[in-house]
Every structure is written in structure tokens, then in C-alpha cells.
Amino acid sequence: MAADTRHLIRDLSQANPLWGAPRIHGELLKLGIEVAQSTVAKYLRRARKPPSQTWRTFLTNHLEQMASIDFFVVPTATFRVLFVFVVLSHARRRVLHFQVTAHPSQDWTMQQIREAFPWHQGCRYLLRDRDAIYGDDWVEMTKGLGIEEVITAPRSPWQNPFVERLIGSVSRECLDDIIVWNERSLRRTLRSYFAYYQDSRTHLALAKDAPESRAVEKPERGRIVVIPQVKVLHHRYQHHAA
């Protein structure tokens, strides 16, 4: 391997300590640098748990037609608790919709689904947990939209792995390092992170591509430039003509 590639791998690892070998390998592929993931891993530490294959078989069979929803909580600097509702498409791991509130209700949550799937352009299957906020009116609404709900077993977040993985990524890669003051600041931060997540962040499940597919750049296009993203927590790398 060329010395400049080794240095680039080290630079990527140092500038993005939360990135593992798959993420760095994906970024290198987008820069037109062909190198084995095992080679990248020599410079990194990896710690992964194997996924549950049985349930994932079901999810994979309906990948193109399924979306997941969930809430997660975010504490603020003033000790308030904010709730984030997120809708994730399984097909390309796209975040279809998110919103923040201090007082979630069934009516509010129903409105978020209407905004996520306007003009009855919904998914076929919607995966969710058994939160009490999804009441009778919610069930009637999803039926009216032609959506079949798939409800996970009690206390089994692993059955909703895609959105749980997204929530974990948001925490590790963004919120753990940012002070949230209020709803407006949280929306602004999440909007920035999800833009990075959709357009720049490479995903192992997408063959090291981003949800909004990134073209592979040829090295002869010029030198590699660094584009800070999400308040400099992450970076995008691309060639730039001199």
C-alpha cells in the first residue's frame, strides 16, 4: 500500500474516532482508492455483536416496503426532557421525517405520520413498539392509509433494529458531544446530522454507500479536501481540482 494511503487512513481514523473500519473503507471507496477493508482494520479496533438472523430474515424479505418509527429522549442543559420522533425507511436507510416536542400525544404523533407519508404515499408495513401513545385512533389512521403495522414483542427493541441503530448512531455520533438548550437548538442539530447521515455517511448495509448515493470519484480529479460537517464532529472527503 502506498504511504499516502496509509497516512490518509490514519488521518481519517484520528479525525473521526467513532468511525470503524467499514466506515473508513467506504469513504476511501468514494475517493476512488481501492484497498481491502481488512487492510484498513489493521489500524483500528473493532467490537461488533452479531445481529439476530431469524428476525432479520423477515425484515429483509420486506425491506423495500417497510419503515420503522420510534421515540427517543434528549435531556437539555436546563434539565428538561425533549422527545424526538423519527420515521426511517428500511430500503435505503433514509430518514423520512423527524420532529421534536416536549409534550408528545397521540394526535401529535398521528400528524407526524401524515407529514412523513403525504398524499397516501405510505409504506406497506410499519414497524413499531407497543408504546401506549399508539391508541385506537392511531390504529384507525394507519389502516386508512393502507399501512399494515408490525408490532414488536414487549421489551424487545432488538426486533426493531434499523431505527434502534439509527438512534444509537445519533447519540454516539452527535448528541453525546453537543449541549442541547431547547427544542429549536435540537431541531437545528438533528437537521444538520441527518443531512450528513443521508448525503455523506457511508453504511455497511448499503455496500459502503450513503442513503443518497455518492458517486465514486477518480483520484485524478485533484487533491483530497476535507469538508467539516455536524459542527466539525464529522467530515466528508472528496477530490477537488487545484
C-alpha atoms as a PDB file:
ATOM      1  CA  MET A   1       0.000   0.000   0.000  1.00  0.00           C
ATOM      2  CA  ALA A   2       1.212   3.486  -0.830  1.00  0.00           C
ATOM      3  CA  ALA A   3       2.457   5.596   2.058  1.00  0.00           C
ATOM      4  CA  ASP A   4      -0.010   8.410   1.338  1.00  0.00           C
ATOM      5  CA  THR A   5      -2.917   5.950   1.592  1.00  0.00           C
ATOM      6  CA  ARG A   6      -1.655   4.714   4.955  1.00  0.00           C
ATOM      7  CA  HIS A   7      -1.388   8.296   6.160  1.00  0.00           C
ATOM      8  CA  LEU A   8      -4.901   9.047   4.891  1.00  0.00           C
ATOM      9  CA  ILE A   9      -6.316   6.060   6.809  1.00  0.00           C
ATOM     10  CA  ARG A  10      -4.637   7.288   9.975  1.00  0.00           C
ATOM     11  CA  ASP A  11      -5.910  10.831   9.374  1.00  0.00           C
ATOM     12  CA  LEU A  12      -9.465   9.593   8.845  1.00  0.00           C
ATOM     13  CA  SER A  13      -9.285   7.496  11.995  1.00  0.00           C
ATOM     14  CA  GLN A  14      -7.872  10.324  14.095  1.00  0.00           C
ATOM     15  CA  ALA A  15     -10.296  12.964  12.826  1.00  0.00           C
ATOM     16  CA  ASN A  16     -13.297  10.649  13.205  1.00  0.00           C
ATOM     17  CA  PRO A  17     -12.731   8.490  16.296  1.00  0.00           C
ATOM     18  CA  LEU A  18     -16.236   6.998  16.083  1.00  0.00           C
ATOM     19  CA  TRP A  19     -15.634   5.594  12.608  1.00  0.00           C
ATOM     20  CA  GLY A  20     -14.744   1.921  12.337  1.00  0.00           C
ATOM     21  CA  ALA A  21     -13.033   0.057   9.516  1.00  0.00           C
ATOM     22  CA  PRO A  22     -16.249  -0.281   7.418  1.00  0.00           C
ATOM     23  CA  ARG A  23     -16.956   3.456   7.543  1.00  0.00           C
ATOM     24  CA  ILE A  24     -13.391   4.419   6.673  1.00  0.00           C
ATOM     25  CA  HIS A  25     -13.263   1.788   3.947  1.00  0.00           C
ATOM     26  CA  GLY A  26     -16.476   3.210   2.474  1.00  0.00           C
ATOM     27  CA  GLU A  27     -15.045   6.726   2.498  1.00  0.00           C
ATOM     28  CA  LEU A  28     -11.908   5.504   0.704  1.00  0.00           C
ATOM     29  CA  LEU A  29     -14.003   3.772  -1.953  1.00  0.00           C
ATOM     30  CA  LYS A  30     -15.827   7.037  -2.623  1.00  0.00           C
ATOM     31  CA  LEU A  31     -12.444   8.659  -3.134  1.00  0.00           C
ATOM     32  CA  GLY A  32     -11.559   6.048  -5.756  1.00  0.00           C
ATOM     33  CA  ILE A  33      -8.972   4.388  -3.532  1.00  0.00           C
ATOM     34  CA  GLU A  34      -9.162   0.595  -3.844  1.00  0.00           C
ATOM     35  CA  VAL A  35      -7.978  -1.028  -0.624  1.00  0.00           C
ATOM     36  CA  ALA A  36      -9.216  -4.060   1.284  1.00  0.00           C
ATOM     37  CA  GLN A  37     -11.274  -3.483   4.418  1.00  0.00           C
ATOM     38  CA  SER A  38      -9.029  -5.948   6.241  1.00  0.00           C
ATOM     39  CA  THR A  39      -6.093  -3.663   5.486  1.00  0.00           C
ATOM     40  CA  VAL A  40      -7.929  -0.684   6.929  1.00  0.00           C
ATOM     41  CA  ALA A  41      -8.774  -2.748  10.019  1.00  0.00           C
ATOM     42  CA  LYS A  42      -5.091  -3.219  10.840  1.00  0.00           C
ATOM     43  CA  TYR A  43      -5.063   0.358  12.092  1.00  0.00           C
ATOM     44  CA  LEU A  44      -8.304   0.171  14.035  1.00  0.00           C
ATOM     45  CA  ARG A  45     -10.036  -1.620  16.853  1.00  0.00           C
ATOM     46  CA  ARG A  46     -13.351  -3.311  16.170  1.00  0.00           C
ATOM     47  CA  ALA A  47     -16.012  -4.569  18.558  1.00  0.00           C
ATOM     48  CA  ARG A  48     -19.196  -5.806  16.958  1.00  0.00           C
ATOM     49  CA  LYS A  49     -22.047  -8.025  18.125  1.00  0.00           C
ATOM     50  CA  PRO A  50     -23.630 -10.350  15.568  1.00  0.00           C
ATOM     51  CA  PRO A  51     -27.213  -9.435  14.665  1.00  0.00           C
ATOM     52  CA  SER A  52     -30.198 -11.695  15.242  1.00  0.00           C
ATOM     53  CA  GLN A  53     -30.532 -13.579  11.945  1.00  0.00           C
ATOM     54  CA  THR A  54     -34.002 -15.054  12.448  1.00  0.00           C
ATOM     55  CA  TRP A  55     -35.878 -11.775  12.798  1.00  0.00           C
ATOM     56  CA  ARG A  56     -33.687 -10.087  10.209  1.00  0.00           C
ATOM     57  CA  THR A  57     -34.786 -12.649   7.643  1.00  0.00           C
ATOM     58  CA  PHE A  58     -38.332 -11.333   7.974  1.00  0.00           C
ATOM     59  CA  LEU A  59     -37.189  -7.727   7.798  1.00  0.00           C
ATOM     60  CA  THR A  60     -35.037  -8.400   4.749  1.00  0.00           C
ATOM     61  CA  ASN A  61     -37.914 -10.036   2.880  1.00  0.00           C
ATOM     62  CA  HIS A  62     -39.935  -6.809   3.162  1.00  0.00           C
ATOM     63  CA  LEU A  63     -37.050  -4.351   3.021  1.00  0.00           C
ATOM     64  CA  GLU A  64     -38.345  -2.258   0.125  1.00  0.00           C
ATOM     65  CA  GLN A  65     -41.836  -1.882   1.604  1.00  0.00           C
ATOM     66  CA  MET A  66     -41.113  -1.293   5.272  1.00  0.00           C
ATOM     67  CA  ALA A  67     -40.450   1.672   7.533  1.00  0.00           C
ATOM     68  CA  SER A  68     -39.821   1.936  11.280  1.00  0.00           C
ATOM     69  CA  ILE A  69     -40.854   4.533  13.828  1.00  0.00           C
ATOM     70  CA  ASP A  70     -39.729   5.233  17.365  1.00  0.00           C
ATOM     71  CA  PHE A  71     -39.248   7.887  20.027  1.00  0.00           C
ATOM     72  CA  PHE A  72     -36.074   8.735  21.869  1.00  0.00           C
ATOM     73  CA  VAL A  73     -35.494  11.270  24.630  1.00  0.00           C
ATOM     74  CA  VAL A  74     -32.913  14.039  24.829  1.00  0.00           C
ATOM     75  CA  PRO A  75     -32.178  15.955  28.063  1.00  0.00           C
ATOM     76  CA  THR A  76     -31.448  19.656  27.773  1.00  0.00           C
ATOM     77  CA  ALA A  77     -28.953  21.836  29.628  1.00  0.00           C
ATOM     78  CA  THR A  78     -31.854  23.193  31.699  1.00  0.00           C
ATOM     79  CA  PHE A  79     -32.931  19.671  32.794  1.00  0.00           C
ATOM     80  CA  ARG A  80     -35.958  19.469  30.533  1.00  0.00           C
ATOM     81  CA  VAL A  81     -36.681  16.303  28.579  1.00  0.00           C
ATOM     82  CA  LEU A  82     -37.438  16.523  24.864  1.00  0.00           C
ATOM     83  CA  PHE A  83     -38.904  13.741  22.775  1.00  0.00           C
ATOM     84  CA  VAL A  84     -37.758  13.044  19.216  1.00  0.00           C
ATOM     85  CA  PHE A  85     -39.999  11.074  16.860  1.00  0.00           C
ATOM     86  CA  VAL A  86     -38.283   9.587  13.816  1.00  0.00           C
ATOM     87  CA  VAL A  87     -39.513   7.715  10.734  1.00  0.00           C
ATOM     88  CA  LEU A  88     -36.924   5.580   8.922  1.00  0.00           C
ATOM     89  CA  SER A  89     -37.298   3.836   5.555  1.00  0.00           C
ATOM     90  CA  HIS A  90     -35.602   0.430   5.518  1.00  0.00           C
ATOM     91  CA  ALA A  91     -34.845   0.354   1.788  1.00  0.00           C
ATOM     92  CA  ARG A  92     -32.027   2.939   1.743  1.00  0.00           C
ATOM     93  CA  ARG A  93     -31.963   3.820   5.459  1.00  0.00           C
ATOM     94  CA  ARG A  94     -33.442   7.215   4.628  1.00  0.00           C
ATOM     95  CA  VAL A  95     -34.803   9.364   7.426  1.00  0.00           C
ATOM     96  CA  LEU A  96     -38.218  10.217   6.019  1.00  0.00           C
ATOM     97  CA  HIS A  97     -39.255  12.540   8.830  1.00  0.00           C
ATOM     98  CA  PHE A  98     -38.372  13.684  12.328  1.00  0.00           C
ATOM     99  CA  GLN A  99     -39.828  16.166  14.795  1.00  0.00           C
ATOM    100  CA  VAL A 100     -39.204  17.344  18.366  1.00  0.00           C
ATOM    101  CA  THR A 101     -41.667  18.071  21.153  1.00  0.00           C
ATOM    102  CA  ALA A 102     -41.734  18.418  24.919  1.00  0.00           C
ATOM    103  CA  HIS A 103     -45.268  17.025  25.153  1.00  0.00           C
ATOM    104  CA  PRO A 104     -45.915  14.073  22.829  1.00  0.00           C
ATOM    105  CA  SER A 105     -49.518  12.980  22.362  1.00  0.00           C
ATOM    106  CA  GLN A 106     -51.375  10.595  20.108  1.00  0.00           C
ATOM    107  CA  ASP A 107     -52.737  13.446  17.968  1.00  0.00           C
ATOM    108  CA  TRP A 108     -49.275  14.968  17.607  1.00  0.00           C
ATOM    109  CA  THR A 109     -47.771  11.596  16.645  1.00  0.00           C
ATOM    110  CA  MET A 110     -50.514  10.940  14.105  1.00  0.00           C
ATOM    111  CA  GLN A 111     -49.754  14.279  12.480  1.00  0.00           C
ATOM    112  CA  GLN A 112     -46.101  13.272  12.113  1.00  0.00           C
ATOM    113  CA  ILE A 113     -47.092  10.166  10.148  1.00  0.00           C
ATOM    114  CA  ARG A 114     -49.285  12.266   7.867  1.00  0.00           C
ATOM    115  CA  GLU A 115     -46.307  14.542   7.199  1.00  0.00           C
ATOM    116  CA  ALA A 116     -43.959  11.590   6.666  1.00  0.00           C
ATOM    117  CA  PHE A 117     -46.309   9.986   4.126  1.00  0.00           C
ATOM    118  CA  PRO A 118     -48.168  12.787   2.319  1.00  0.00           C
ATOM    119  CA  TRP A 119     -50.803  12.091  -0.323  1.00  0.00           C
ATOM    120  CA  HIS A 120     -51.168   8.489   0.899  1.00  0.00           C
ATOM    121  CA  GLN A 121     -47.695   7.637  -0.340  1.00  0.00           C
ATOM    122  CA  GLY A 122     -47.027   5.451   2.666  1.00  0.00           C
ATOM    123  CA  CYS A 123     -45.120   2.243   3.169  1.00  0.00           C
ATOM    124  CA  ARG A 124     -46.818  -1.144   3.166  1.00  0.00           C
ATOM    125  CA  TYR A 125     -45.504  -2.253   6.571  1.00  0.00           C
ATOM    126  CA  LEU A 126     -44.795  -0.047   9.583  1.00  0.00           C
ATOM    127  CA  LEU A 127     -42.683  -1.494  12.383  1.00  0.00           C
ATOM    128  CA  ARG A 128     -43.195  -0.086  15.886  1.00  0.00           C
ATOM    129  CA  ASP A 129     -43.173  -0.968  19.564  1.00  0.00           C
ATOM    130  CA  ARG A 130     -46.106  -1.227  21.988  1.00  0.00           C
ATOM    131  CA  ASP A 131     -45.959   2.308  23.374  1.00  0.00           C
ATOM    132  CA  ALA A 132     -49.338   3.347  24.804  1.00  0.00           C
ATOM    133  CA  ILE A 133     -49.271   6.502  22.692  1.00  0.00           C
ATOM    134  CA  TYR A 134     -50.350   4.389  19.705  1.00  0.00           C
ATOM    135  CA  GLY A 135     -54.051   4.124  20.638  1.00  0.00           C
ATOM    136  CA  ASP A 136     -57.269   3.280  18.809  1.00  0.00           C
ATOM    137  CA  ASP A 137     -57.276   6.449  16.724  1.00  0.00           C
ATOM    138  CA  TRP A 138     -53.726   5.702  15.618  1.00  0.00           C
ATOM    139  CA  VAL A 139     -54.690   2.189  14.501  1.00  0.00           C
ATOM    140  CA  GLU A 140     -57.642   3.516  12.515  1.00  0.00           C
ATOM    141  CA  MET A 141     -55.432   6.121  10.847  1.00  0.00           C
ATOM    142  CA  THR A 142     -52.780   3.609   9.709  1.00  0.00           C
ATOM    143  CA  LYS A 143     -55.496   1.328   8.347  1.00  0.00           C
ATOM    144  CA  GLY A 144     -56.948   4.258   6.431  1.00  0.00           C
ATOM    145  CA  LEU A 145     -53.512   4.925   4.915  1.00  0.00           C
ATOM    146  CA  GLY A 146     -53.291   1.300   3.781  1.00  0.00           C
ATOM    147  CA  ILE A 147     -50.432   0.550   6.167  1.00  0.00           C
ATOM    148  CA  GLU A 148     -50.124  -2.805   7.934  1.00  0.00           C
ATOM    149  CA  GLU A 149     -48.495  -2.457  11.358  1.00  0.00           C
ATOM    150  CA  VAL A 150     -45.899  -4.928  12.593  1.00  0.00           C
ATOM    151  CA  ILE A 151     -45.688  -4.673  16.381  1.00  0.00           C
ATOM    152  CA  THR A 152     -42.631  -5.905  18.250  1.00  0.00           C
ATOM    153  CA  ALA A 153     -42.789  -8.136  21.312  1.00  0.00           C
ATOM    154  CA  PRO A 154     -42.743  -6.473  24.760  1.00  0.00           C
ATOM    155  CA  ARG A 155     -39.326  -5.214  25.865  1.00  0.00           C
ATOM    156  CA  SER A 156     -37.693  -6.359  22.611  1.00  0.00           C
ATOM    157  CA  PRO A 157     -36.011  -3.339  20.988  1.00  0.00           C
ATOM    158  CA  TRP A 158     -33.761  -5.727  19.020  1.00  0.00           C
ATOM    159  CA  GLN A 159     -36.807  -6.575  16.892  1.00  0.00           C
ATOM    160  CA  ASN A 160     -36.722  -3.032  15.527  1.00  0.00           C
ATOM    161  CA  PRO A 161     -33.005  -2.993  14.672  1.00  0.00           C
ATOM    162  CA  PHE A 162     -32.837  -0.397  11.906  1.00  0.00           C
ATOM    163  CA  VAL A 163     -34.369   2.505  13.780  1.00  0.00           C
ATOM    164  CA  GLU A 164     -32.644   1.434  17.019  1.00  0.00           C
ATOM    165  CA  ARG A 165     -29.338   1.507  15.170  1.00  0.00           C
ATOM    166  CA  LEU A 166     -30.166   4.964  13.854  1.00  0.00           C
ATOM    167  CA  ILE A 167     -30.986   6.234  17.346  1.00  0.00           C
ATOM    168  CA  GLY A 168     -27.732   4.781  18.660  1.00  0.00           C
ATOM    169  CA  SER A 169     -25.804   6.485  15.870  1.00  0.00           C
ATOM    170  CA  VAL A 170     -27.468   9.825  16.599  1.00  0.00           C
ATOM    171  CA  SER A 171     -26.441   9.543  20.248  1.00  0.00           C
ATOM    172  CA  ARG A 172     -22.878   8.335  19.716  1.00  0.00           C
ATOM    173  CA  GLU A 173     -22.044  10.463  16.702  1.00  0.00           C
ATOM    174  CA  CYS A 174     -23.844  13.677  17.604  1.00  0.00           C
ATOM    175  CA  LEU A 175     -25.803  14.253  20.806  1.00  0.00           C
ATOM    176  CA  ASP A 176     -23.204  12.824  23.211  1.00  0.00           C
ATOM    177  CA  ASP A 177     -20.895  15.686  22.230  1.00  0.00           C
ATOM    178  CA  ILE A 178     -23.365  18.576  21.946  1.00  0.00           C
ATOM    179  CA  ILE A 179     -25.202  20.645  24.547  1.00  0.00           C
ATOM    180  CA  VAL A 180     -28.914  20.932  23.767  1.00  0.00           C
ATOM    181  CA  TRP A 181     -30.580  24.103  25.048  1.00  0.00           C
ATOM    182  CA  ASN A 182     -34.135  23.883  23.755  1.00  0.00           C
ATOM    183  CA  GLU A 183     -36.366  22.466  21.035  1.00  0.00           C
ATOM    184  CA  ARG A 184     -35.084  24.863  18.405  1.00  0.00           C
ATOM    185  CA  SER A 185     -31.429  24.039  19.018  1.00  0.00           C
ATOM    186  CA  LEU A 186     -32.191  20.304  18.986  1.00  0.00           C
ATOM    187  CA  ARG A 187     -34.064  20.567  15.687  1.00  0.00           C
ATOM    188  CA  ARG A 188     -31.175  22.518  14.184  1.00  0.00           C
ATOM    189  CA  THR A 189     -28.634  19.958  15.390  1.00  0.00           C
ATOM    190  CA  LEU A 190     -30.645  16.972  14.181  1.00  0.00           C
ATOM    191  CA  ARG A 191     -31.276  18.632  10.831  1.00  0.00           C
ATOM    192  CA  SER A 192     -27.518  19.024  10.414  1.00  0.00           C
ATOM    193  CA  TYR A 193     -26.795  15.447  11.481  1.00  0.00           C
ATOM    194  CA  PHE A 194     -29.463  13.887   9.278  1.00  0.00           C
ATOM    195  CA  ALA A 195     -28.180  15.858   6.282  1.00  0.00           C
ATOM    196  CA  TYR A 196     -24.765  14.315   6.927  1.00  0.00           C
ATOM    197  CA  TYR A 197     -26.365  10.900   7.554  1.00  0.00           C
ATOM    198  CA  GLN A 198     -28.274  10.975   4.261  1.00  0.00           C
ATOM    199  CA  ASP A 199     -25.717  12.519   1.924  1.00  0.00           C
ATOM    200  CA  SER A 200     -22.248  11.690   3.267  1.00  0.00           C
ATOM    201  CA  ARG A 201     -22.178   8.889   5.839  1.00  0.00           C
ATOM    202  CA  THR A 202     -21.356   5.506   4.280  1.00  0.00           C
ATOM    203  CA  HIS A 203     -23.351   2.498   5.503  1.00  0.00           C
ATOM    204  CA  LEU A 204     -22.158  -1.081   5.689  1.00  0.00           C
ATOM    205  CA  ALA A 205     -25.652  -2.344   4.741  1.00  0.00           C
ATOM    206  CA  LEU A 206     -25.615  -0.188   1.596  1.00  0.00           C
ATOM    207  CA  ALA A 207     -22.344  -1.622   0.258  1.00  0.00           C
ATOM    208  CA  LYS A 208     -20.407   1.338   1.707  1.00  0.00           C
ATOM    209  CA  ASP A 209     -22.670   3.891   0.035  1.00  0.00           C
ATOM    210  CA  ALA A 210     -24.772   6.692   1.525  1.00  0.00           C
ATOM    211  CA  PRO A 211     -28.601   6.690   1.527  1.00  0.00           C
ATOM    212  CA  GLU A 212     -28.404   9.377  -1.147  1.00  0.00           C
ATOM    213  CA  SER A 213     -25.895   7.557  -3.312  1.00  0.00           C
ATOM    214  CA  ARG A 214     -22.427   9.118  -3.600  1.00  0.00           C
ATOM    215  CA  ALA A 215     -20.560   8.859  -6.871  1.00  0.00           C
ATOM    216  CA  VAL A 216     -17.113   7.297  -6.821  1.00  0.00           C
ATOM    217  CA  GLU A 217     -14.524   9.964  -7.594  1.00  0.00           C
ATOM    218  CA  LYS A 218     -11.381   9.311  -9.570  1.00  0.00           C
ATOM    219  CA  PRO A 219      -8.079  10.274  -7.912  1.00  0.00           C
ATOM    220  CA  GLU A 220      -7.013  12.276 -10.962  1.00  0.00           C
ATOM    221  CA  ARG A 221      -9.745  14.799 -10.203  1.00  0.00           C
ATOM    222  CA  GLY A 222      -7.368  16.535  -7.840  1.00  0.00           C
ATOM    223  CA  ARG A 223      -6.248  16.724  -4.256  1.00  0.00           C
ATOM    224  CA  ILE A 224      -8.387  15.493  -1.367  1.00  0.00           C
ATOM    225  CA  VAL A 225     -10.154  18.230   0.587  1.00  0.00           C
ATOM    226  CA  VAL A 226     -11.858  17.968   3.963  1.00  0.00           C
ATOM    227  CA  ILE A 227     -15.404  19.287   4.462  1.00  0.00           C
ATOM    228  CA  PRO A 228     -16.393  19.616   8.154  1.00  0.00           C
ATOM    229  CA  GLN A 229     -19.947  18.562   8.962  1.00  0.00           C
ATOM    230  CA  VAL A 230     -22.187  18.480  12.052  1.00  0.00           C
ATOM    231  CA  LYS A 231     -20.259  21.209  13.878  1.00  0.00           C
ATOM    232  CA  VAL A 232     -16.926  19.582  12.962  1.00  0.00           C
ATOM    233  CA  LEU A 233     -17.897  16.293  14.629  1.00  0.00           C
ATOM    234  CA  HIS A 234     -17.657  14.587  11.233  1.00  0.00           C
ATOM    235  CA  HIS A 235     -16.029  15.200   7.894  1.00  0.00           C
ATOM    236  CA  ARG A 236     -16.596  14.463   4.251  1.00  0.00           C
ATOM    237  CA  TYR A 237     -13.659  13.841   1.965  1.00  0.00           C
ATOM    238  CA  GLN A 238     -13.669  14.465  -1.759  1.00  0.00           C
ATOM    239  CA  HIS A 239     -11.352  15.364  -4.581  1.00  0.00           C
ATOM    240  CA  HIS A 240     -11.038  18.970  -5.616  1.00  0.00           C
ATOM    241  CA  ALA A 241      -9.324  20.248  -8.693  1.00  0.00           C
ATOM    242  CA  ALA A 242      -6.398  22.550  -7.915  1.00  0.00           C
END
